[in-house]
Amino acid sequence: MTAKRINVHALPGSHEESGPRKFDLDGQTVEVTETYENWVDEGGGGGKKHYFKVKGDNDQFYTLIFNEKKNEWFCE
């Protein structure tokens, strides 16, 4: 599966503590209703990545990834 670059609205604070609250995907804003898991991959040369497995208000499940090196969010 190819990851899509997305815009995420998160609360202030570190990504591990706050996590995403809503995100824009394919022209729609999806509100995060639950976070099921979150973990960090130290990633070696690719940089640290923060992963969040979430459920949206559309009852779909997503894996959201924050790439610290690129300072960008992606959705799988």
N, C-alpha and C. Protein backbone atom coordinates (compact mmCIF):
# COMPACT_ATOMS: atom_id res chain seq x y z
N MET A 1 0.84 -1.18 0.00
CA MET A 1 0.00 0.00 0.00
C MET A 1 0.89 1.25 0.00
N THR A 2 0.54 2.22 -0.80
CA THR A 2 1.30 3.45 -0.89
C THR A 2 0.76 4.46 0.12
N ALA A 3 1.69 5.08 0.83
CA ALA A 3 1.29 6.10 1.81
C ALA A 3 1.00 7.41 1.09
N LYS A 4 -0.09 8.09 1.53
CA LYS A 4 -0.46 9.40 0.99
C LYS A 4 -0.05 10.47 1.98
N ARG A 5 0.49 11.56 1.47
CA ARG A 5 0.81 12.70 2.33
C ARG A 5 -0.50 13.36 2.75
N ILE A 6 -0.61 13.71 4.04
CA ILE A 6 -1.84 14.30 4.57
C ILE A 6 -1.51 15.48 5.47
N ASN A 7 -2.53 16.27 5.76
CA ASN A 7 -2.44 17.36 6.73
C ASN A 7 -3.13 16.89 8.00
N VAL A 8 -2.42 16.96 9.13
CA VAL A 8 -2.97 16.48 10.40
C VAL A 8 -3.11 17.64 11.37
N HIS A 9 -4.22 17.64 12.11
CA HIS A 9 -4.47 18.61 13.17
C HIS A 9 -4.24 17.87 14.49
N ALA A 10 -3.19 18.25 15.21
CA ALA A 10 -2.86 17.59 16.46
C ALA A 10 -2.86 18.64 17.58
N LEU A 11 -3.00 18.17 18.79
CA LEU A 11 -2.92 19.07 19.93
C LEU A 11 -1.47 19.44 20.16
N PRO A 12 -1.21 20.60 20.78
CA PRO A 12 0.17 20.97 21.08
C PRO A 12 0.82 19.93 21.99
N GLY A 13 2.10 19.75 21.83
CA GLY A 13 2.85 18.77 22.62
C GLY A 13 3.54 17.80 21.71
N SER A 14 4.23 16.86 22.31
CA SER A 14 4.94 15.88 21.49
C SER A 14 3.94 14.95 20.82
N HIS A 15 4.33 14.39 19.70
CA HIS A 15 3.44 13.52 18.93
C HIS A 15 3.07 12.27 19.71
N GLU A 16 3.99 11.75 20.53
CA GLU A 16 3.70 10.56 21.30
C GLU A 16 2.60 10.80 22.33
N GLU A 17 2.56 12.03 22.89
CA GLU A 17 1.61 12.34 23.95
C GLU A 17 0.25 12.77 23.42
N SER A 18 0.24 13.60 22.39
CA SER A 18 -1.02 14.19 21.96
C SER A 18 -1.67 13.39 20.84
N GLY A 19 -0.92 13.09 19.82
CA GLY A 19 -1.46 12.36 18.68
C GLY A 19 -2.38 13.19 17.83
N PRO A 20 -2.76 12.64 16.70
CA PRO A 20 -3.64 13.36 15.77
C PRO A 20 -5.08 13.39 16.30
N ARG A 21 -5.77 14.50 16.05
CA ARG A 21 -7.17 14.64 16.45
C ARG A 21 -8.10 14.62 15.22
N LYS A 22 -7.59 15.12 14.10
CA LYS A 22 -8.30 15.04 12.84
C LYS A 22 -7.29 15.23 11.72
N PHE A 23 -7.65 14.80 10.51
CA PHE A 23 -6.74 14.90 9.38
C PHE A 23 -7.52 15.07 8.09
N ASP A 24 -6.87 15.67 7.12
CA ASP A 24 -7.47 15.90 5.80
C ASP A 24 -6.96 14.84 4.84
N LEU A 25 -7.89 14.11 4.22
CA LEU A 25 -7.56 13.04 3.29
C LEU A 25 -8.54 13.07 2.12
N ASP A 26 -8.00 13.16 0.93
CA ASP A 26 -8.82 13.16 -0.29
C ASP A 26 -9.94 14.21 -0.25
N GLY A 27 -9.60 15.41 0.23
CA GLY A 27 -10.56 16.51 0.23
C GLY A 27 -11.57 16.49 1.36
N GLN A 28 -11.44 15.54 2.29
CA GLN A 28 -12.37 15.48 3.42
C GLN A 28 -11.59 15.52 4.72
N THR A 29 -12.22 16.09 5.75
CA THR A 29 -11.62 16.07 7.08
C THR A 29 -12.22 14.92 7.86
N VAL A 30 -11.34 14.09 8.40
CA VAL A 30 -11.75 12.92 9.19
C VAL A 30 -11.38 13.19 10.64
N GLU A 31 -12.36 13.09 11.54
CA GLU A 31 -12.11 13.25 12.97
C GLU A 31 -11.71 11.90 13.54
N VAL A 32 -10.68 11.88 14.36
CA VAL A 32 -10.23 10.66 15.01
C VAL A 32 -11.13 10.41 16.22
N THR A 33 -11.81 9.26 16.23
CA THR A 33 -12.69 8.94 17.35
C THR A 33 -12.00 8.05 18.38
N GLU A 34 -11.01 7.26 17.94
CA GLU A 34 -10.26 6.41 18.86
C GLU A 34 -8.85 6.19 18.33
N THR A 35 -7.90 6.12 19.26
CA THR A 35 -6.54 5.71 18.91
C THR A 35 -6.33 4.34 19.54
N TYR A 36 -6.04 3.35 18.70
CA TYR A 36 -5.90 1.98 19.18
C TYR A 36 -4.47 1.65 19.58
N GLU A 37 -3.51 2.16 18.84
CA GLU A 37 -2.11 1.90 19.13
C GLU A 37 -1.29 3.11 18.70
N ASN A 38 -0.16 3.28 19.34
CA ASN A 38 0.84 4.21 18.84
C ASN A 38 2.21 3.67 19.22
N TRP A 39 3.16 3.85 18.32
CA TRP A 39 4.51 3.36 18.55
C TRP A 39 5.49 4.20 17.75
N VAL A 40 6.76 4.06 18.09
CA VAL A 40 7.82 4.82 17.44
C VAL A 40 8.81 3.85 16.83
N ASP A 41 9.22 4.15 15.60
CA ASP A 41 10.27 3.40 14.92
C ASP A 41 11.47 4.34 14.82
N GLU A 42 12.56 3.99 15.48
CA GLU A 42 13.74 4.85 15.49
C GLU A 42 14.33 5.02 14.10
N GLY A 43 14.15 4.06 13.22
CA GLY A 43 14.38 4.19 11.79
C GLY A 43 15.76 4.36 11.24
N GLY A 44 16.79 4.35 11.98
CA GLY A 44 18.14 4.46 11.42
C GLY A 44 18.29 5.67 10.51
N GLY A 45 18.70 5.44 9.25
CA GLY A 45 18.96 6.53 8.30
C GLY A 45 17.72 7.25 7.84
N GLY A 46 16.53 6.62 7.94
CA GLY A 46 15.29 7.24 7.48
C GLY A 46 14.69 8.21 8.48
N GLY A 47 15.24 8.26 9.67
CA GLY A 47 14.72 9.15 10.71
C GLY A 47 13.63 8.49 11.53
N LYS A 48 13.32 9.10 12.65
CA LYS A 48 12.31 8.59 13.57
C LYS A 48 10.92 8.79 12.99
N LYS A 49 10.07 7.75 13.12
CA LYS A 49 8.69 7.83 12.65
C LYS A 49 7.75 7.44 13.79
N HIS A 50 6.68 8.22 13.93
CA HIS A 50 5.65 7.97 14.94
C HIS A 50 4.43 7.41 14.22
N TYR A 51 3.93 6.27 14.69
CA TYR A 51 2.78 5.60 14.06
C TYR A 51 1.58 5.67 14.99
N PHE A 52 0.40 5.89 14.40
CA PHE A 52 -0.85 5.91 15.14
C PHE A 52 -1.88 5.10 14.38
N LYS A 53 -2.39 4.05 14.99
CA LYS A 53 -3.49 3.29 14.40
C LYS A 53 -4.77 3.87 14.98
N VAL A 54 -5.63 4.45 14.10
CA VAL A 54 -6.79 5.19 14.57
C VAL A 54 -8.06 4.76 13.82
N LYS A 55 -9.19 5.13 14.43
CA LYS A 55 -10.50 4.96 13.80
C LYS A 55 -11.06 6.35 13.56
N GLY A 56 -11.59 6.58 12.35
CA GLY A 56 -12.18 7.87 12.02
C GLY A 56 -13.67 7.90 12.28
N ASP A 57 -14.23 9.11 12.23
CA ASP A 57 -15.67 9.27 12.44
C ASP A 57 -16.49 8.68 11.29
N ASN A 58 -15.81 8.19 10.25
CA ASN A 58 -16.47 7.51 9.14
C ASN A 58 -16.40 5.99 9.30
N ASP A 59 -16.01 5.53 10.50
CA ASP A 59 -15.88 4.11 10.86
C ASP A 59 -14.80 3.37 10.06
N GLN A 60 -13.87 4.10 9.46
CA GLN A 60 -12.74 3.50 8.76
C GLN A 60 -11.52 3.51 9.69
N PHE A 61 -10.60 2.57 9.47
CA PHE A 61 -9.37 2.49 10.24
C PHE A 61 -8.20 2.97 9.39
N TYR A 62 -7.26 3.69 10.01
CA TYR A 62 -6.13 4.28 9.32
C TYR A 62 -4.87 4.10 10.14
N THR A 63 -3.74 4.04 9.47
CA THR A 63 -2.45 4.15 10.13
C THR A 63 -1.84 5.47 9.69
N LEU A 64 -1.66 6.37 10.66
CA LEU A 64 -1.09 7.69 10.39
C LEU A 64 0.36 7.68 10.85
N ILE A 65 1.22 8.26 10.04
CA ILE A 65 2.65 8.22 10.30
C ILE A 65 3.22 9.63 10.26
N PHE A 66 3.95 10.00 11.31
CA PHE A 66 4.65 11.28 11.31
C PHE A 66 6.14 10.99 11.13
N ASN A 67 6.71 11.51 10.05
CA ASN A 67 8.13 11.36 9.75
C ASN A 67 8.85 12.60 10.28
N GLU A 68 9.62 12.44 11.36
CA GLU A 68 10.31 13.58 11.97
C GLU A 68 11.32 14.21 11.04
N LYS A 69 12.05 13.39 10.29
CA LYS A 69 13.10 13.92 9.41
C LYS A 69 12.51 14.84 8.34
N LYS A 70 11.37 14.44 7.77
CA LYS A 70 10.72 15.24 6.73
C LYS A 70 9.73 16.26 7.30
N ASN A 71 9.37 16.08 8.59
CA ASN A 71 8.35 16.91 9.24
C ASN A 71 7.04 16.85 8.45
N GLU A 72 6.65 15.62 8.09
CA GLU A 72 5.44 15.39 7.30
C GLU A 72 4.64 14.22 7.85
N TRP A 73 3.34 14.28 7.59
CA TRP A 73 2.41 13.20 7.97
C TRP A 73 2.01 12.42 6.72
N PHE A 74 1.80 11.12 6.92
CA PHE A 74 1.35 10.24 5.85
C PHE A 74 0.26 9.32 6.38
N CYS A 75 -0.57 8.82 5.48
CA CYS A 75 -1.63 7.87 5.82
C CYS A 75 -1.47 6.62 4.99
N GLU A 76 -1.57 5.47 5.63
CA GLU A 76 -1.55 4.19 4.90
C GLU A 76 -2.92 3.57 5.00
